[in-house]
Amino acid sequence: MRLIVFTPGATRQWVKLSAAVRARLRARLESYAATGHGDIKAMKGRAGSRLRVGDWRVIFYEEGETIVVAAVGHRRNVYD
């Protein structure tokens, strides 16, 4: 399983989410870290990828065996 780390900005966004949303996102992130499978798409015009969990998005990039989460939020706000 790959290590998951958060940038300071992503950490601030993460703690603002409800506990239920955090649990859903954490489960999908851990599943992706363990298996490499999930609703992942490469970002156009930016480095990194996004993980889709319903209306929520996790923007991340990979450095070796580490998944670095850069942003977390609702789909209408996270790409700004």
C-alpha atoms as a PDB file:
ATOM      1  CA  MET A   1       0.000   0.000   0.000  1.00  0.00           C
ATOM      2  CA  ARG A   2       1.287   3.425  -0.924  1.00  0.00           C
ATOM      3  CA  LEU A   3       1.618   6.208   1.633  1.00  0.00           C
ATOM      4  CA  ILE A   4      -0.960   9.036   1.465  1.00  0.00           C
ATOM      5  CA  VAL A   5       0.137  12.530   2.534  1.00  0.00           C
ATOM      6  CA  PHE A   6      -1.672  15.875   2.411  1.00  0.00           C
ATOM      7  CA  THR A   7      -0.346  19.311   1.542  1.00  0.00           C
ATOM      8  CA  PRO A   8      -1.102  22.013   4.151  1.00  0.00           C
ATOM      9  CA  GLY A   9      -3.844  23.472   1.930  1.00  0.00           C
ATOM     10  CA  ALA A  10      -5.466  20.077   1.409  1.00  0.00           C
ATOM     11  CA  THR A  11      -5.355  19.462   5.168  1.00  0.00           C
ATOM     12  CA  ARG A  12      -7.281  22.700   5.792  1.00  0.00           C
ATOM     13  CA  GLN A  13      -9.872  21.657   3.198  1.00  0.00           C
ATOM     14  CA  TRP A  14     -10.077  18.122   4.652  1.00  0.00           C
ATOM     15  CA  VAL A  15     -10.917  19.228   8.211  1.00  0.00           C
ATOM     16  CA  LYS A  16     -13.759  21.449   6.928  1.00  0.00           C
ATOM     17  CA  LEU A  17     -15.566  18.446   5.416  1.00  0.00           C
ATOM     18  CA  SER A  18     -18.234  16.544   7.338  1.00  0.00           C
ATOM     19  CA  ALA A  19     -17.244  13.276   8.990  1.00  0.00           C
ATOM     20  CA  ALA A  20     -19.394  11.264   6.572  1.00  0.00           C
ATOM     21  CA  VAL A  21     -17.755  12.811   3.491  1.00  0.00           C
ATOM     22  CA  ARG A  22     -14.272  12.339   4.979  1.00  0.00           C
ATOM     23  CA  ALA A  23     -15.043   8.662   5.627  1.00  0.00           C
ATOM     24  CA  ARG A  24     -16.166   8.131   2.000  1.00  0.00           C
ATOM     25  CA  LEU A  25     -13.128   9.930   0.607  1.00  0.00           C
ATOM     26  CA  ARG A  26     -10.715   8.153   2.958  1.00  0.00           C
ATOM     27  CA  ALA A  27     -12.115   4.750   1.968  1.00  0.00           C
ATOM     28  CA  ARG A  28     -11.683   5.468  -1.758  1.00  0.00           C
ATOM     29  CA  LEU A  29      -8.198   6.941  -1.266  1.00  0.00           C
ATOM     30  CA  GLU A  30      -7.071   3.920   0.725  1.00  0.00           C
ATOM     31  CA  SER A  31      -8.589   1.595  -1.869  1.00  0.00           C
ATOM     32  CA  TYR A  32      -6.711   3.397  -4.638  1.00  0.00           C
ATOM     33  CA  ALA A  33      -3.474   3.329  -2.622  1.00  0.00           C
ATOM     34  CA  ALA A  34      -3.817  -0.415  -2.080  1.00  0.00           C
ATOM     35  CA  THR A  35      -4.992  -1.552  -5.520  1.00  0.00           C
ATOM     36  CA  GLY A  36      -4.262   1.265  -7.962  1.00  0.00           C
ATOM     37  CA  HIS A  37      -7.874   1.135  -9.181  1.00  0.00           C
ATOM     38  CA  GLY A  38     -10.531   3.811  -8.877  1.00  0.00           C
ATOM     39  CA  ASP A  39     -12.325   6.539 -10.813  1.00  0.00           C
ATOM     40  CA  ILE A  40      -9.072   8.299 -11.745  1.00  0.00           C
ATOM     41  CA  LYS A  41      -8.474  10.672 -14.616  1.00  0.00           C
ATOM     42  CA  ALA A  42      -5.380  12.647 -15.595  1.00  0.00           C
ATOM     43  CA  MET A  43      -5.864  16.408 -15.349  1.00  0.00           C
ATOM     44  CA  LYS A  44      -5.628  18.428 -18.558  1.00  0.00           C
ATOM     45  CA  GLY A  45      -3.383  21.464 -18.362  1.00  0.00           C
ATOM     46  CA  ARG A  46      -2.104  20.533 -14.906  1.00  0.00           C
ATOM     47  CA  ALA A  47       0.174  17.936 -13.445  1.00  0.00           C
ATOM     48  CA  GLY A  48      -1.617  15.293 -11.448  1.00  0.00           C
ATOM     49  CA  SER A  49      -4.848  13.370 -11.416  1.00  0.00           C
ATOM     50  CA  ARG A  50      -8.250  13.489  -9.839  1.00  0.00           C
ATOM     51  CA  LEU A  51     -10.182  10.871  -7.908  1.00  0.00           C
ATOM     52  CA  ARG A  52     -13.964  11.156  -8.225  1.00  0.00           C
ATOM     53  CA  VAL A  53     -16.196  10.120  -5.325  1.00  0.00           C
ATOM     54  CA  GLY A  54     -19.749  11.183  -6.203  1.00  0.00           C
ATOM     55  CA  ASP A  55     -19.774  14.994  -6.280  1.00  0.00           C
ATOM     56  CA  TRP A  56     -16.467  15.183  -4.395  1.00  0.00           C
ATOM     57  CA  ARG A  57     -12.992  15.341  -5.927  1.00  0.00           C
ATOM     58  CA  VAL A  58      -9.518  14.603  -4.615  1.00  0.00           C
ATOM     59  CA  ILE A  59      -6.745  16.243  -6.657  1.00  0.00           C
ATOM     60  CA  PHE A  60      -3.430  14.453  -6.209  1.00  0.00           C
ATOM     61  CA  TYR A  61      -0.094  13.598  -7.766  1.00  0.00           C
ATOM     62  CA  GLU A  62       2.250  10.716  -7.190  1.00  0.00           C
ATOM     63  CA  GLU A  63       5.892  10.918  -6.120  1.00  0.00           C
ATOM     64  CA  GLY A  64       7.347   7.438  -6.247  1.00  0.00           C
ATOM     65  CA  GLU A  65       5.382   5.326  -3.766  1.00  0.00           C
ATOM     66  CA  THR A  66       3.667   8.353  -2.189  1.00  0.00           C
ATOM     67  CA  ILE A  67       0.288   9.844  -3.096  1.00  0.00           C
ATOM     68  CA  VAL A  68       0.332  13.591  -2.385  1.00  0.00           C
ATOM     69  CA  VAL A  69      -3.156  15.073  -2.002  1.00  0.00           C
ATOM     70  CA  ALA A  70      -3.121  18.681  -3.225  1.00  0.00           C
ATOM     71  CA  ALA A  71      -6.821  19.599  -2.943  1.00  0.00           C
ATOM     72  CA  VAL A  72     -10.101  18.156  -1.703  1.00  0.00           C
ATOM     73  CA  GLY A  73     -13.560  19.570  -2.296  1.00  0.00           C
ATOM     74  CA  HIS A  74     -16.875  19.642  -4.066  1.00  0.00           C
ATOM     75  CA  ARG A  75     -16.657  19.388  -7.849  1.00  0.00           C
ATOM     76  CA  ARG A  76     -17.915  22.947  -8.416  1.00  0.00           C
ATOM     77  CA  ASN A  77     -15.180  24.481  -6.213  1.00  0.00           C
ATOM     78  CA  VAL A  78     -12.131  22.238  -6.293  1.00  0.00           C
ATOM     79  CA  TYR A  79     -10.849  23.176  -9.762  1.00  0.00           C
ATOM     80  CA  ASP A  80     -10.674  26.944  -9.071  1.00  0.00           C
END
